């Protein structure tokens, strides 16, 4: 008897809301078909494209980190070269002083003058080498930034864009 009462209540609710079982099942099937089509042809490609973009962004960030690491390494190498040049210059000064002490007063003045010239030349050479390294670093850094920019934006940069990016990068590196 309770099942008959429950069935009667279900029938009353179905009748009250106007539920037609054939139409309900047809709508469920249509919904399933539309969902399957959208999932395969709309959501799938969109999610794939978003994943590719996420990967490209991650690759770009990794390249930027590598560029920063390379720039720091180049700066460290340049500093090591400067330290070596100054150590060599100091060694040369010490040798010149020792040689000057062994020679007469007149020769001592010539040795000091010679040592000062050597120091100036060593500093000029170190400065020139540093400038060459910084110039090379700026060109390489500009090229890497242009390459990373073109990859991140997906745009092939023309010569004007590359020149502009190189100049901006060189200005920022110099600052």
Protein backbone atom coordinates (compact mmCIF):
# COMPACT_ATOMS: atom_id res chain seq x y z
CA UNK A 1 0.00 0.00 0.00
CA UNK A 2 2.79 2.56 0.74
CA UNK A 3 4.18 2.09 -2.78
CA UNK A 4 0.83 2.94 -4.30
CA UNK A 5 0.65 6.11 -2.23
CA UNK A 6 4.23 7.03 -3.23
CA UNK A 7 3.48 6.32 -6.89
CA UNK A 8 0.42 8.49 -6.63
CA UNK A 9 2.43 11.33 -5.17
CA UNK A 10 5.04 10.99 -7.94
CA UNK A 11 2.30 11.05 -10.54
CA UNK A 12 0.82 14.14 -8.88
CA UNK A 13 4.17 15.92 -8.92
CA UNK A 14 4.83 14.90 -12.55
CA UNK A 15 1.38 16.15 -13.54
CA UNK A 16 1.76 19.36 -11.50
CA UNK A 17 5.08 20.30 -13.20
CA UNK A 18 4.05 19.00 -16.61
CA UNK A 19 6.86 16.45 -16.99
CA UNK A 20 6.57 14.39 -20.15
CA UNK A 21 8.97 11.43 -20.05
CA UNK A 22 9.57 11.12 -23.80
CA UNK A 23 10.40 14.82 -24.06
CA UNK A 24 12.59 14.62 -20.96
CA UNK A 25 14.63 11.71 -22.38
CA UNK A 26 14.89 13.47 -25.77
CA UNK A 27 16.25 16.61 -24.06
CA UNK A 28 18.76 14.53 -22.07
CA UNK A 29 19.98 12.89 -25.31
CA UNK A 30 20.19 16.25 -27.12
CA UNK A 31 22.07 17.77 -24.19
CA UNK A 32 24.51 14.83 -24.20
CA UNK A 33 25.10 15.12 -27.97
CA UNK A 34 25.63 18.92 -27.80
CA UNK A 35 27.95 18.54 -24.80
CA UNK A 36 29.99 15.84 -26.58
CA UNK A 37 30.32 17.96 -29.75
CA UNK A 38 31.32 21.07 -27.79
CA UNK A 39 33.81 19.12 -25.72
CA UNK A 40 35.48 17.64 -28.79
CA UNK A 41 35.42 20.58 -31.20
CA UNK A 42 35.29 23.68 -28.98
CA UNK A 43 36.61 23.07 -25.47
CA UNK A 44 39.41 20.69 -26.49
CA UNK A 45 41.15 23.02 -28.98
CA UNK A 46 40.70 26.03 -26.72
CA UNK A 47 42.23 24.22 -23.75
CA UNK A 48 45.04 22.96 -25.99
CA UNK A 49 45.76 26.50 -27.21
CA UNK A 50 45.78 27.82 -23.63
CA UNK A 51 48.22 25.08 -22.60
CA UNK A 52 50.52 25.98 -25.53
CA UNK A 53 50.47 29.63 -24.51
CA UNK A 54 51.23 28.72 -20.91
CA UNK A 55 54.16 26.62 -22.09
CA UNK A 56 55.50 29.41 -24.31
CA UNK A 57 55.29 31.86 -21.42
CA UNK A 58 57.12 29.42 -19.15
CA UNK A 59 59.79 28.95 -21.83
CA UNK A 60 60.15 32.71 -22.19
CA UNK A 61 60.56 33.14 -18.44
CA UNK A 62 63.19 30.38 -18.38
CA UNK A 63 65.09 32.12 -21.19
CA UNK A 64 64.94 35.44 -19.37
CA UNK A 65 66.36 33.77 -16.26
CA UNK A 66 69.15 32.28 -18.39
CA UNK A 67 69.87 35.69 -19.91
CA UNK A 68 70.08 37.25 -16.44
CA UNK A 69 72.37 34.43 -15.29
CA UNK A 70 74.57 34.86 -18.38
CA UNK A 71 74.75 38.62 -17.81
CA UNK A 72 75.78 38.12 -14.19
CA UNK A 73 78.38 35.57 -15.26
CA UNK A 74 79.77 37.93 -17.89
CA UNK A 75 79.99 40.71 -15.31
CA UNK A 76 81.80 38.36 -12.95
CA UNK A 77 84.23 37.39 -15.72
CA UNK A 78 84.88 41.04 -16.53
CA UNK A 79 85.56 41.74 -12.84
CA UNK A 80 87.96 38.78 -12.69
CA UNK A 81 89.84 40.16 -15.71
CA UNK A 82 90.04 43.58 -14.08
CA UNK A 83 91.31 42.05 -10.84
CA UNK A 84 93.93 40.07 -12.73
CA UNK A 85 95.03 43.15 -14.67
CA UNK A 86 95.31 45.16 -11.45
CA UNK A 87 97.22 42.32 -9.78
CA UNK A 88 99.59 42.20 -12.74
CA UNK A 89 99.97 45.96 -12.62
CA UNK A 90 100.70 45.81 -8.88
CA UNK A 91 103.25 43.04 -9.49
CA UNK A 92 104.88 45.13 -12.20
CA UNK A 93 105.02 48.14 -9.87
CA UNK A 94 106.62 46.05 -7.14
CA UNK A 95 109.21 44.68 -9.58
CA UNK A 96 109.92 48.17 -10.88
CA UNK A 97 110.37 49.46 -7.32
CA UNK A 98 112.77 46.64 -6.46
CA UNK A 99 114.80 47.24 -9.61
CA UNK A 100 114.82 50.98 -8.98
CA UNK A 101 116.28 50.53 -5.49
CA UNK A 102 119.27 48.64 -6.95
CA UNK A 103 120.14 51.32 -9.49
CA UNK A 104 121.53 54.82 -8.94
CA UNK A 105 119.31 57.78 -8.05
CA UNK A 106 119.08 58.87 -11.64
CA UNK A 107 118.08 55.37 -12.76
CA UNK A 108 115.56 55.21 -9.94
CA UNK A 109 113.70 58.20 -11.36
CA UNK A 110 113.66 56.60 -14.82
CA UNK A 111 112.33 53.30 -13.36
CA UNK A 112 109.54 55.09 -11.49
CA UNK A 113 108.60 56.94 -14.65
CA UNK A 114 108.64 53.67 -16.58
CA UNK A 115 106.51 51.95 -13.93
CA UNK A 116 103.94 54.75 -14.08
CA UNK A 117 103.79 54.40 -17.84
CA UNK A 118 103.31 50.64 -17.53
CA UNK A 119 100.55 51.15 -14.98
CA UNK A 120 98.81 53.63 -17.24
CA UNK A 121 99.10 51.27 -20.19
CA UNK A 122 97.88 48.32 -18.11
CA UNK A 123 94.90 50.34 -16.92
CA UNK A 124 94.18 51.51 -20.44
CA UNK A 125 94.41 47.91 -21.67
CA UNK A 126 92.16 46.74 -18.84
CA UNK A 127 89.70 49.56 -19.58
CA UNK A 128 89.76 48.78 -23.29
CA UNK A 129 89.23 45.08 -22.60
CA UNK A 130 86.36 45.88 -20.23
CA UNK A 131 84.76 48.15 -22.82
CA UNK A 132 85.11 45.44 -25.47
CA UNK A 133 83.56 42.85 -23.14
CA UNK A 134 80.71 45.19 -22.21
CA UNK A 135 80.10 45.99 -25.89
CA UNK A 136 80.06 42.31 -26.74
CA UNK A 137 77.80 41.62 -23.74
CA UNK A 138 75.38 44.38 -24.81
CA UNK A 139 75.17 43.03 -28.36
CA UNK A 140 74.63 39.48 -27.15
CA UNK A 141 72.13 40.58 -24.50
CA UNK A 142 70.25 42.66 -27.10
CA UNK A 143 70.15 39.70 -29.47
CA UNK A 144 68.87 37.42 -26.68
CA UNK A 145 66.22 39.97 -25.67
CA UNK A 146 65.13 40.35 -29.32
CA UNK A 147 64.96 36.60 -29.70
CA UNK A 148 63.06 36.17 -26.44
CA UNK A 149 60.70 39.04 -27.35
CA UNK A 150 59.94 37.56 -30.75
CA UNK A 151 59.31 34.16 -29.22
CA UNK A 152 57.14 35.43 -26.38
CA UNK A 153 55.09 37.70 -28.63
CA UNK A 154 55.07 35.24 -31.53
CA UNK A 155 55.88 38.15 -33.87
CA UNK A 156 58.78 38.18 -36.29
CA UNK A 157 60.65 41.37 -35.48
CA UNK A 158 61.81 43.56 -38.34
CA UNK A 159 65.19 45.30 -38.39
CA UNK A 160 63.79 48.53 -36.91
CA UNK A 161 62.20 46.64 -34.00
CA UNK A 162 65.41 44.71 -33.33
CA UNK A 163 67.50 47.89 -33.46
CA UNK A 164 65.12 49.69 -31.10
CA UNK A 165 65.08 46.78 -28.62
CA UNK A 166 68.89 46.49 -28.78
CA UNK A 167 69.28 50.22 -28.07
CA UNK A 168 66.80 50.15 -25.18
CA UNK A 169 68.47 47.07 -23.72
CA UNK A 170 71.95 48.58 -24.08
CA UNK A 171 70.75 51.76 -22.35
CA UNK A 172 69.26 49.77 -19.47
CA UNK A 173 72.37 47.58 -19.12
CA UNK A 174 74.62 50.69 -19.10
CA UNK A 175 72.50 52.40 -16.44
